[in-house]
């Protein structure tokens, strides 16, 4: 891993000349930036991957507050209360880091006839622009990496971007199936799958299923479910397929970095009461047996420790469910529940997770539920949906190292093992929400079901939200603040309030 991150260190020599313009993105080319012509293809790939993952993390720090995985420690006008937010750092990472490096990767792969490098570039491009349009709606795309030839890129319609996202993934799948005749082939520079075309193919299919599921309102439940299941049949088949980036003690996990301030009293996030309520066996989702007092994942995800400059000391007993009291979103209320620096997603060397086999199983469970005629208020499904639902829980528990005994007890509890005839959408979405801890995808799930409490039990909009939102849930983010001054005409033409649905959300 250390050798891999030596390769990734070329990210400090970011190839940024392909962004729309230096002034446009306010990212003047640093003096040590190298020309794309002088960079080897195997040095570009790790930069593109690193920027992609960093952008996803940047989005997650805001999205996890909106979807109520975490709550802000501050009682002010921030995203925890749905005040206007432009995700500036996310936008910068996508447009001045990820997409420019991906463009160079595409060009070098084409010039060297390296089909597998080109395929990886297409997957990375699809997931970067796909997440960006999901968060903002219409965004710069076709003119976004034209450098000095266009300082003011137009905004492309989300519907057209989605067509291209699916095409990019389809093209990548074809390229991965084509023998790579070039002398250049991804290996250690591929920080995700070490150059394994079969693994990238599974990822492309699973990402495709995710984007297809987003189109539920556009294409209808049956058509969407059929498409999603077709993609998933060739997608992830085990936890070992997960799309994630591993860190180490030198190149540390960003969630770990965000929690280092705990030792100096600089709190940023608490765990949300909403997230805790899905795992603590309380009134929202009570357990049926006394043998299960809490979701066994909770002590592996939620930190009760006390942090200070002198070190970390044990907090309340983590085996006692009553000690898990989260913070209410929008209030800044104090809590002992934290992300911490010692837990699955936030250790110094934890992987940064983007897409998982567990999520794939929950997508399958939902798609089968829809095919069986399921709705947010219906009860009962088919055997395939129920089986995928249970498999998704098991996969997530295995991933975060729940003991076999605890996993089996949980899966056997009658509140979980409800049977085919009793399964409801809220059961599937509850488990997906837990498995997607700190993942931006939950915000999309909320929008697909219009924040319905039938799909997401007990979901409540934060108190004292931005008055401009008229008491409604936000459904998008506004454009980068730098856009307002650097690309003013296009910014004004496309600006929408945060309560305005994006194209697929209408």
Protein backbone atom coordinates (compact mmCIF):
# COMPACT_ATOMS: atom_id res chain seq x y z
CA UNK A 1 0.00 0.00 0.00
CA UNK A 2 2.85 2.40 0.71
CA UNK A 3 4.15 1.85 -2.81
CA UNK A 4 0.72 2.54 -4.23
CA UNK A 5 0.51 5.84 -2.44
CA UNK A 6 3.96 6.80 -3.66
CA UNK A 7 2.39 6.62 -7.08
CA UNK A 8 -0.58 8.63 -5.86
CA UNK A 9 1.74 11.36 -4.68
CA UNK A 10 1.83 12.73 -8.22
CA UNK A 11 -1.53 14.22 -7.27
CA UNK A 12 0.50 17.07 -5.82
CA UNK A 13 1.57 17.75 -9.38
CA UNK A 14 -2.05 18.01 -10.45
CA UNK A 15 -2.71 18.43 -14.13
CA UNK A 16 -5.07 21.35 -14.02
CA UNK A 17 -4.57 23.11 -17.32
CA UNK A 18 -7.58 21.32 -18.76
CA UNK A 19 -10.03 23.01 -16.46
CA UNK A 20 -12.21 25.67 -18.06
CA UNK A 21 -9.77 28.38 -17.11
CA UNK A 22 -7.55 29.38 -14.23
CA UNK A 23 -9.67 32.42 -13.45
CA UNK A 24 -12.90 30.52 -13.97
CA UNK A 25 -12.22 27.95 -11.26
CA UNK A 26 -9.88 30.14 -9.25
CA UNK A 27 -7.27 27.39 -9.41
CA UNK A 28 -4.21 28.98 -10.91
CA UNK A 29 -1.76 26.41 -12.13
CA UNK A 30 0.91 25.93 -9.44
CA UNK A 31 4.53 26.52 -10.34
CA UNK A 32 5.36 22.83 -9.96
CA UNK A 33 2.54 21.63 -12.24
CA UNK A 34 3.86 19.45 -15.02
CA UNK A 35 2.74 19.46 -18.62
CA UNK A 36 0.36 16.63 -19.50
CA UNK A 37 2.72 15.67 -22.32
CA UNK A 38 5.43 14.85 -19.80
CA UNK A 39 3.31 12.76 -17.46
CA UNK A 40 3.17 9.01 -17.97
CA UNK A 41 -0.25 7.43 -18.18
CA UNK A 42 0.32 5.38 -15.02
CA UNK A 43 0.93 8.60 -13.09
CA UNK A 44 -2.33 10.19 -14.21
CA UNK A 45 -4.64 7.40 -13.08
CA UNK A 46 -3.94 7.61 -9.33
CA UNK A 47 -4.49 11.36 -9.44
CA UNK A 48 -7.86 10.88 -11.13
CA UNK A 49 -8.90 8.24 -8.60
CA UNK A 50 -7.72 10.26 -5.61
CA UNK A 51 -9.61 13.35 -6.78
CA UNK A 52 -12.73 11.31 -7.43
CA UNK A 53 -12.72 9.85 -3.93
CA UNK A 54 -11.85 13.17 -2.30
CA UNK A 55 -14.78 14.81 -4.07
CA UNK A 56 -17.16 12.10 -2.88
CA UNK A 57 -15.95 12.59 0.69
CA UNK A 58 -16.35 16.36 0.40
CA UNK A 59 -19.95 15.95 -0.71
CA UNK A 60 -20.60 13.42 2.05
CA UNK A 61 -19.66 15.86 4.83
CA UNK A 62 -22.71 17.96 3.87
CA UNK A 63 -25.00 15.21 2.61
CA UNK A 64 -24.59 13.12 5.76
CA UNK A 65 -26.05 16.05 7.69
CA UNK A 66 -28.97 16.47 5.29
CA UNK A 67 -29.87 12.77 5.37
CA UNK A 68 -29.34 12.71 9.16
CA UNK A 69 -26.55 10.21 9.54
CA UNK A 70 -24.76 12.95 11.46
CA UNK A 71 -25.74 16.27 12.99
CA UNK A 72 -23.84 19.53 13.20
CA UNK A 73 -22.33 20.45 16.55
CA UNK A 74 -23.17 24.07 15.81
CA UNK A 75 -26.49 25.88 16.14
CA UNK A 76 -26.13 28.31 13.29
CA UNK A 77 -27.14 28.83 9.68
CA UNK A 78 -25.53 25.82 8.05
CA UNK A 79 -26.52 22.82 5.97
CA UNK A 80 -27.76 21.03 9.09
CA UNK A 81 -30.67 23.48 8.93
CA UNK A 82 -30.79 23.42 5.13
CA UNK A 83 -29.44 26.92 4.67
CA UNK A 84 -28.09 27.69 1.21
CA UNK A 85 -25.02 25.65 0.43
CA UNK A 86 -22.99 25.48 -2.77
CA UNK A 87 -20.63 22.57 -2.03
CA UNK A 88 -17.73 24.76 -3.19
CA UNK A 89 -15.00 22.28 -2.27
CA UNK A 90 -16.80 19.42 -3.99
CA UNK A 91 -17.25 21.55 -7.13
CA UNK A 92 -13.57 22.54 -7.09
CA UNK A 93 -12.39 18.95 -6.73
CA UNK A 94 -14.56 17.72 -9.59
CA UNK A 95 -13.93 20.51 -12.05
CA UNK A 96 -10.33 21.45 -11.34
CA UNK A 97 -8.97 18.05 -10.24
CA UNK A 98 -11.00 14.99 -11.19
CA UNK A 99 -12.36 15.85 -14.65
CA UNK A 100 -9.14 17.48 -15.91
CA UNK A 101 -7.06 14.46 -14.90
CA UNK A 102 -9.63 12.11 -16.38
CA UNK A 103 -9.48 14.05 -19.65
CA UNK A 104 -5.71 13.63 -19.78
CA UNK A 105 -6.13 9.95 -18.96
CA UNK A 106 -8.62 9.58 -21.83
CA UNK A 107 -6.31 11.31 -24.27
CA UNK A 108 -3.27 9.26 -23.30
CA UNK A 109 -5.26 6.03 -23.37
CA UNK A 110 -6.55 6.83 -26.84
CA UNK A 111 -3.10 7.79 -28.09
CA UNK A 112 -1.56 4.55 -26.77
CA UNK A 113 -4.53 2.34 -27.74
CA UNK A 114 -4.88 1.30 -24.11
CA UNK A 115 -8.46 0.08 -23.93
CA UNK A 116 -8.46 -0.65 -20.21
CA UNK A 117 -7.10 2.75 -19.19
CA UNK A 118 -9.73 4.33 -21.43
CA UNK A 119 -12.45 2.19 -19.86
CA UNK A 120 -11.41 3.24 -16.35
CA UNK A 121 -11.44 6.87 -17.44
CA UNK A 122 -15.00 6.48 -18.69
CA UNK A 123 -16.19 4.96 -15.40
CA UNK A 124 -14.53 7.73 -13.39
CA UNK A 125 -15.98 10.38 -15.65
CA UNK A 126 -19.46 8.88 -15.34
CA UNK A 127 -19.48 8.76 -11.56
CA UNK A 128 -18.03 12.26 -11.16
CA UNK A 129 -20.42 14.02 -13.50
CA UNK A 130 -23.25 11.73 -12.40
CA UNK A 131 -22.94 12.73 -8.75
CA UNK A 132 -22.48 16.38 -9.71
CA UNK A 133 -25.69 16.51 -11.72
CA UNK A 134 -27.54 14.60 -8.99
CA UNK A 135 -26.53 17.29 -6.51
CA UNK A 136 -26.94 20.39 -8.68
CA UNK A 137 -29.17 19.57 -11.65
CA UNK A 138 -27.99 21.09 -14.96
CA UNK A 139 -24.21 21.60 -14.81
CA UNK A 140 -21.25 22.30 -17.11
CA UNK A 141 -20.30 19.09 -18.87
CA UNK A 142 -19.61 19.08 -22.60
CA UNK A 143 -17.69 22.37 -22.36
CA UNK A 144 -16.28 21.84 -18.88
CA UNK A 145 -12.76 20.79 -19.85
CA UNK A 146 -12.06 22.94 -22.88
CA UNK A 147 -9.36 25.00 -21.15
CA UNK A 148 -8.62 28.41 -22.61
CA UNK A 149 -10.89 27.82 -25.61
CA UNK A 150 -13.97 28.46 -23.49
CA UNK A 151 -13.85 30.36 -20.22
CA UNK A 152 -17.64 30.34 -19.84
CA UNK A 153 -18.96 26.81 -20.35
CA UNK A 154 -22.66 26.29 -20.88
CA UNK A 155 -24.73 24.17 -18.52
CA UNK A 156 -25.96 20.92 -20.04
CA UNK A 157 -29.44 19.58 -19.27
CA UNK A 158 -29.45 16.84 -16.67
CA UNK A 159 -31.50 14.59 -18.92
CA UNK A 160 -28.77 14.72 -21.58
CA UNK A 161 -26.04 14.23 -19.00
CA UNK A 162 -27.78 11.11 -17.70
CA UNK A 163 -27.94 9.69 -21.21
CA UNK A 164 -24.20 10.15 -21.49
CA UNK A 165 -23.51 8.76 -18.00
CA UNK A 166 -25.18 5.48 -18.98
CA UNK A 167 -23.38 5.50 -22.34
CA UNK A 168 -20.01 6.07 -20.68
CA UNK A 169 -20.58 3.04 -18.45
CA UNK A 170 -21.78 0.92 -21.37
CA UNK A 171 -18.76 1.93 -23.43
CA UNK A 172 -16.47 1.09 -20.52
CA UNK A 173 -18.02 -2.36 -20.19
CA UNK A 174 -17.34 -3.05 -23.87
CA UNK A 175 -13.77 -1.80 -23.58
CA UNK A 176 -13.08 -3.96 -20.51
CA UNK A 177 -14.21 -7.00 -22.53
CA UNK A 178 -11.76 -6.11 -25.30
CA UNK A 179 -8.23 -7.52 -24.98
CA UNK A 180 -5.79 -4.75 -24.17
CA UNK A 181 -3.27 -4.88 -27.02
CA UNK A 182 -1.36 -1.84 -25.83
CA UNK A 183 1.94 -2.10 -23.97
CA UNK A 184 0.30 0.12 -21.34
CA UNK A 185 -1.95 -1.63 -18.87
CA UNK A 186 -3.18 -0.50 -15.43
CA UNK A 187 -1.67 -2.26 -12.43
CA UNK A 188 -0.41 -0.86 -9.14
CA UNK A 189 -1.39 2.63 -10.30
CA UNK A 190 -5.01 1.51 -10.17
CA UNK A 191 -5.71 2.25 -6.51
CA UNK A 192 -9.12 0.56 -6.58
CA UNK A 193 -8.78 -2.80 -8.36
CA UNK A 194 -5.08 -3.08 -9.30
CA UNK A 195 -5.91 -3.25 -13.00
CA UNK A 196 -8.41 -6.13 -12.81
CA UNK A 197 -10.76 -5.62 -15.75
CA UNK A 198 -13.32 -8.07 -14.36
CA UNK A 199 -13.61 -6.06 -11.14
CA UNK A 200 -14.01 -2.79 -13.02
CA UNK A 201 -16.68 -4.40 -15.19
CA UNK A 202 -18.68 -5.40 -12.12
CA UNK A 203 -18.31 -1.88 -10.77
CA UNK A 204 -19.49 -0.35 -14.06
CA UNK A 205 -22.60 -2.52 -14.04
CA UNK A 206 -23.34 -1.72 -10.39
CA UNK A 207 -22.87 2.01 -10.89
CA UNK A 208 -25.15 1.73 -13.91
CA UNK A 209 -27.81 0.09 -11.72
CA UNK A 210 -27.49 2.93 -9.20
CA UNK A 211 -28.04 5.60 -11.86
CA UNK A 212 -30.89 3.60 -13.42
CA UNK A 213 -32.61 3.43 -10.04
CA UNK A 214 -32.45 7.22 -9.82
CA UNK A 215 -34.77 7.39 -12.83
CA UNK A 216 -37.68 5.69 -11.06
CA UNK A 217 -39.94 8.74 -11.31
CA UNK A 218 -39.05 9.26 -14.97
CA UNK A 219 -39.32 5.69 -16.25
CA UNK A 220 -41.79 4.18 -13.81
CA UNK A 221 -41.31 1.43 -11.27
CA UNK A 222 -41.56 -1.64 -13.51
CA UNK A 223 -39.28 -0.37 -16.28
CA UNK A 224 -36.77 0.93 -13.75
CA UNK A 225 -36.75 -2.28 -11.73
CA UNK A 226 -36.24 -4.42 -14.83
CA UNK A 227 -33.29 -2.33 -15.97
CA UNK A 228 -31.72 -2.26 -12.51
CA UNK A 229 -31.96 -6.03 -12.10
CA UNK A 230 -30.42 -6.63 -15.52
CA UNK A 231 -27.41 -4.51 -14.58
CA UNK A 232 -27.08 -5.99 -11.09
CA UNK A 233 -27.03 -9.51 -12.52
CA UNK A 234 -23.57 -8.69 -13.88
CA UNK A 235 -22.48 -6.46 -11.01
CA UNK A 236 -21.04 -6.96 -7.54
CA UNK A 237 -21.26 -10.49 -6.15
CA UNK A 238 -19.36 -10.15 -2.85
CA UNK A 239 -17.92 -7.60 -0.44
CA UNK A 240 -14.55 -8.07 -2.10
CA UNK A 241 -15.99 -6.29 -5.15
CA UNK A 242 -16.61 -3.01 -3.28
CA UNK A 243 -15.47 0.24 -4.88
CA UNK A 244 -13.35 1.89 -2.21
CA UNK A 245 -9.97 3.49 -1.58
CA UNK A 246 -7.75 2.21 1.20
CA UNK A 247 -5.64 4.61 3.25
CA UNK A 248 -2.67 4.13 5.58
CA UNK A 249 -0.85 5.87 8.43
CA UNK A 250 0.85 8.30 6.03
CA UNK A 251 -2.03 8.98 3.65
CA UNK A 252 -4.79 9.05 6.22
CA UNK A 253 -8.52 8.55 5.83
CA UNK A 254 -10.31 11.92 5.47
CA UNK A 255 -12.99 11.07 8.03
CA UNK A 256 -10.17 10.35 10.47
CA UNK A 257 -8.62 13.70 9.63
CA UNK A 258 -11.94 15.45 10.22
CA UNK A 259 -12.15 13.97 13.72
CA UNK A 260 -8.68 14.92 14.92
CA UNK A 261 -10.05 18.18 16.34
CA UNK A 262 -11.90 16.18 18.99
CA UNK A 263 -8.73 16.05 21.06
CA UNK A 264 -8.65 19.86 21.28
CA UNK A 265 -12.37 20.31 21.86
CA UNK A 266 -13.10 21.30 18.27
CA UNK A 267 -16.28 19.36 17.66
CA UNK A 268 -17.73 19.27 14.17
CA UNK A 269 -20.26 16.44 14.01
CA UNK A 270 -22.32 14.30 16.34
CA UNK A 271 -24.24 11.21 15.34
CA UNK A 272 -27.85 12.03 14.50
CA UNK A 273 -30.70 10.82 16.69
CA UNK A 274 -32.41 9.67 13.50
CA UNK A 275 -29.56 7.27 12.71
CA UNK A 276 -29.47 6.00 16.30
CA UNK A 277 -33.24 5.41 16.25
CA UNK A 278 -32.84 2.96 13.37
CA UNK A 279 -30.51 0.78 15.46
CA UNK A 280 -31.37 1.11 19.14
CA UNK A 281 -34.50 -1.06 19.24
CA UNK A 282 -36.60 1.82 20.54
CA UNK A 283 -40.05 3.00 19.53
CA UNK A 284 -39.17 3.52 15.85
CA UNK A 285 -37.97 -0.02 15.12
CA UNK A 286 -38.40 -2.18 18.24
CA UNK A 287 -36.87 -5.64 18.37
CA UNK A 288 -39.06 -8.66 19.00
CA UNK A 289 -36.70 -10.63 21.22
CA UNK A 290 -34.88 -9.70 24.41
CA UNK A 291 -31.80 -11.43 23.00
CA UNK A 292 -31.25 -8.43 20.70
CA UNK A 293 -30.92 -5.16 22.60
CA UNK A 294 -29.33 -3.11 19.83
CA UNK A 295 -28.17 -3.39 16.26
CA UNK A 296 -24.68 -4.95 16.64
CA UNK A 297 -23.34 -2.44 14.13
CA UNK A 298 -24.00 0.50 16.42
CA UNK A 299 -20.99 -0.02 18.75
CA UNK A 300 -18.81 -0.45 15.64
CA UNK A 301 -19.95 2.82 14.06
CA UNK A 302 -20.71 5.15 16.96
CA UNK A 303 -18.01 6.41 19.32
CA UNK A 304 -18.87 7.16 22.95
CA UNK A 305 -15.29 7.88 24.00
CA UNK A 306 -14.08 11.09 25.62
CA UNK A 307 -11.40 13.00 23.74
CA UNK A 308 -8.94 15.50 25.20
CA UNK A 309 -5.40 16.74 24.66
CA UNK A 310 -4.20 14.02 27.02
CA UNK A 311 -5.71 11.25 24.92
CA UNK A 312 -8.82 9.13 24.49
CA UNK A 313 -10.62 7.66 27.48
CA UNK A 314 -13.57 5.32 27.66
CA UNK A 315 -16.97 6.94 27.72
CA UNK A 316 -20.27 5.37 28.80
CA UNK A 317 -20.53 1.59 28.52
CA UNK A 318 -20.94 0.84 24.79
CA UNK A 319 -22.87 -2.36 25.54
CA UNK A 320 -25.71 -0.39 27.14
CA UNK A 321 -28.17 0.80 24.50
CA UNK A 322 -29.44 3.69 26.65
CA UNK A 323 -26.02 5.36 26.40
CA UNK A 324 -26.50 6.00 22.68
CA UNK A 325 -28.22 9.37 22.62
CA UNK A 326 -27.64 11.24 19.39
CA UNK A 327 -28.01 14.91 18.52
CA UNK A 328 -31.17 16.31 16.97
CA UNK A 329 -30.45 17.80 13.56
CA UNK A 330 -30.75 21.55 13.39
CA UNK A 331 -30.35 22.15 17.12
CA UNK A 332 -26.63 21.80 17.81
CA UNK A 333 -27.52 19.82 20.94
CA UNK A 334 -24.57 18.23 22.72
CA UNK A 335 -24.10 14.49 22.45
CA UNK A 336 -21.59 11.86 23.47
CA UNK A 337 -22.07 10.08 20.14
CA UNK A 338 -19.37 10.85 17.60
CA UNK A 339 -17.81 9.49 14.42
CA UNK A 340 -14.51 9.28 16.31
CA UNK A 341 -11.08 8.15 15.16
CA UNK A 342 -11.28 4.46 16.03
CA UNK A 343 -14.29 3.14 14.17
CA UNK A 344 -14.94 1.35 10.91
CA UNK A 345 -15.22 4.35 8.58
CA UNK A 346 -12.95 6.68 10.50
CA UNK A 347 -9.78 4.87 11.57
CA UNK A 348 -6.50 6.30 10.34
CA UNK A 349 -6.27 3.57 7.69
CA UNK A 350 -9.97 3.00 6.99
CA UNK A 351 -11.11 2.67 3.43
CA UNK A 352 -13.21 5.45 1.90
CA UNK A 353 -16.26 3.64 0.60
CA UNK A 354 -18.09 4.68 -2.58
CA UNK A 355 -20.19 1.70 -3.71
CA UNK A 356 -20.72 -1.69 -2.05
CA UNK A 357 -22.12 -5.15 -2.55
CA UNK A 358 -24.50 -4.48 0.34
CA UNK A 359 -25.94 -1.48 -1.51
CA UNK A 360 -26.31 -3.66 -4.61
CA UNK A 361 -28.37 -6.17 -2.62
CA UNK A 362 -30.63 -3.44 -1.28
CA UNK A 363 -31.08 -2.08 -4.81
CA UNK A 364 -32.04 -5.60 -5.83
CA UNK A 365 -34.44 -5.92 -2.90
CA UNK A 366 -36.13 -2.64 -3.82
CA UNK A 367 -36.29 -3.46 -7.53
CA UNK A 368 -37.87 -6.84 -6.83
CA UNK A 369 -40.25 -5.18 -4.37
CA UNK A 370 -41.36 -2.81 -7.14
CA UNK A 371 -41.76 -5.67 -9.63
CA UNK A 372 -43.98 -7.43 -7.11
CA UNK A 373 -46.26 -4.39 -7.16
CA UNK A 374 -44.90 -2.91 -3.96
CA UNK A 375 -45.53 0.69 -2.93
CA UNK A 376 -44.46 2.76 0.09
CA UNK A 377 -47.67 1.73 1.86
CA UNK A 378 -48.00 -1.91 0.76
CA UNK A 379 -47.08 -5.03 2.68
CA UNK A 380 -45.61 -8.19 1.19
CA UNK A 381 -43.21 -8.90 -1.64
CA UNK A 382 -41.67 -11.78 -3.56
CA UNK A 383 -39.05 -14.29 -2.44
CA UNK A 384 -36.27 -12.62 -4.44
CA UNK A 385 -36.83 -9.26 -2.73
CA UNK A 386 -36.87 -10.81 0.73
CA UNK A 387 -33.74 -12.86 0.07
CA UNK A 388 -31.85 -9.81 -1.23
CA UNK A 389 -32.97 -7.76 1.78
CA UNK A 390 -31.51 -10.30 4.21
CA UNK A 391 -28.36 -10.71 2.09
CA UNK A 392 -27.79 -6.95 2.15
CA UNK A 393 -27.92 -6.89 5.94
CA UNK A 394 -25.54 -9.82 6.20
CA UNK A 395 -23.12 -8.31 3.70
CA UNK A 396 -22.94 -5.01 5.55
CA UNK A 397 -22.46 -6.76 8.89
CA UNK A 398 -19.69 -8.91 7.46
CA UNK A 399 -18.02 -5.83 6.00
CA UNK A 400 -17.78 -4.03 9.32
CA UNK A 401 -16.86 -7.24 11.20
CA UNK A 402 -19.96 -7.96 13.25
CA UNK A 403 -19.45 -11.29 15.00
CA UNK A 404 -21.24 -14.30 13.54
CA UNK A 405 -23.27 -14.77 16.72
CA UNK A 406 -24.46 -11.17 16.82
CA UNK A 407 -25.23 -11.19 13.10
CA UNK A 408 -27.23 -14.39 13.30
CA UNK A 409 -29.18 -13.24 16.36
CA UNK A 410 -30.08 -9.99 14.64
CA UNK A 411 -31.11 -11.68 11.40
CA UNK A 412 -33.22 -14.17 13.33
CA UNK A 413 -35.15 -11.54 15.30
CA UNK A 414 -38.76 -11.45 14.17
CA UNK A 415 -38.56 -7.69 13.58
CA UNK A 416 -35.91 -8.36 10.93
CA UNK A 417 -36.87 -11.85 9.72
CA UNK A 418 -40.43 -10.70 9.05
CA UNK A 419 -41.13 -13.13 6.25
CA UNK A 420 -42.02 -12.54 2.63
CA UNK A 421 -45.63 -11.64 3.32
CA UNK A 422 -44.82 -8.98 5.93
CA UNK A 423 -41.88 -7.13 4.34
CA UNK A 424 -42.42 -3.43 3.67
CA UNK A 425 -40.46 -0.82 1.76
CA UNK A 426 -39.52 0.91 5.02
CA UNK A 427 -37.70 -2.27 6.12
CA UNK A 428 -35.55 -2.29 2.99
CA UNK A 429 -34.83 1.42 3.14
CA UNK A 430 -34.03 1.29 6.86
CA UNK A 431 -31.34 -1.29 6.26
CA UNK A 432 -30.00 0.52 3.21
CA UNK A 433 -29.79 3.74 5.21
CA UNK A 434 -27.70 2.01 7.89
CA UNK A 435 -25.45 0.36 5.30
CA UNK A 436 -24.94 3.72 3.54
CA UNK A 437 -23.63 5.47 6.66
CA UNK A 438 -21.73 8.62 5.55
CA UNK A 439 -22.56 7.97 1.89
CA UNK A 440 -24.17 10.73 -0.24
CA UNK A 441 -26.52 8.24 -1.92
CA UNK A 442 -29.07 8.39 0.90
CA UNK A 443 -30.03 11.93 -0.16
CA UNK A 444 -31.02 10.57 -3.56
CA UNK A 445 -33.09 7.82 -1.95
CA UNK A 446 -34.96 10.44 0.08
CA UNK A 447 -35.77 12.44 -3.02
CA UNK A 448 -36.90 9.40 -5.00
CA UNK A 449 -39.59 8.80 -2.38
CA UNK A 450 -40.28 12.47 -1.65
CA UNK A 451 -38.99 12.18 1.94
CA UNK A 452 -41.97 9.97 2.73
CA UNK A 453 -42.19 8.60 6.26
CA UNK A 454 -43.76 5.50 4.72
CA UNK A 455 -40.41 4.76 3.11
CA UNK A 456 -38.22 6.33 5.81
CA UNK A 457 -39.96 5.85 9.12
CA UNK A 458 -39.88 8.79 11.52
CA UNK A 459 -37.92 11.03 9.14
CA UNK A 460 -38.48 14.61 10.28
CA UNK A 461 -37.30 17.86 8.75
CA UNK A 462 -34.99 19.77 11.13
CA UNK A 463 -36.49 22.52 13.23
CA UNK A 464 -35.76 26.15 12.38
CA UNK A 465 -34.79 25.46 8.78
CA UNK A 466 -33.97 28.30 6.40
CA UNK A 467 -37.17 30.37 5.99
CA UNK A 468 -36.42 30.69 2.28
CA UNK A 469 -37.21 26.99 1.93
CA UNK A 470 -40.82 27.52 3.02
CA UNK A 471 -40.67 24.61 5.44
CA UNK A 472 -39.87 22.18 2.62
CA UNK A 473 -37.04 19.66 2.28
CA UNK A 474 -34.15 20.76 0.10
CA UNK A 475 -33.79 18.79 -3.14
CA UNK A 476 -30.56 20.15 -4.64
CA UNK A 477 -27.58 22.39 -3.91
CA UNK A 478 -26.87 25.75 -5.51
CA UNK A 479 -23.91 26.24 -7.82
CA UNK A 480 -20.39 27.05 -6.67
CA UNK A 481 -20.02 30.59 -5.33
CA UNK A 482 -17.15 31.08 -7.74
CA UNK A 483 -19.52 30.41 -10.62
CA UNK A 484 -21.55 33.44 -9.61
CA UNK A 485 -18.66 35.78 -10.37
CA UNK A 486 -16.69 33.88 -13.01
CA UNK A 487 -19.47 32.44 -15.19
CA UNK A 488 -22.21 34.88 -14.28
CA UNK A 489 -24.41 34.67 -17.37
CA UNK A 490 -24.68 30.87 -17.32
CA UNK A 491 -24.97 30.86 -13.53
CA UNK A 492 -27.97 33.21 -13.64
CA UNK A 493 -29.59 31.33 -16.52
CA UNK A 494 -29.52 28.06 -14.61
CA UNK A 495 -29.77 29.02 -10.94
CA UNK A 496 -32.50 27.22 -8.99
CA UNK A 497 -33.47 27.34 -5.33
CA UNK A 498 -32.55 24.41 -3.10
CA UNK A 499 -36.18 23.27 -2.90
CA UNK A 500 -36.50 22.97 -6.69
CA UNK A 501 -36.42 19.31 -7.81
CA UNK A 502 -33.81 18.20 -10.31
CA UNK A 503 -35.04 16.69 -13.60
CA UNK A 504 -35.39 13.09 -12.44
CA UNK A 505 -37.01 14.15 -9.15
CA UNK A 506 -40.09 15.78 -10.70
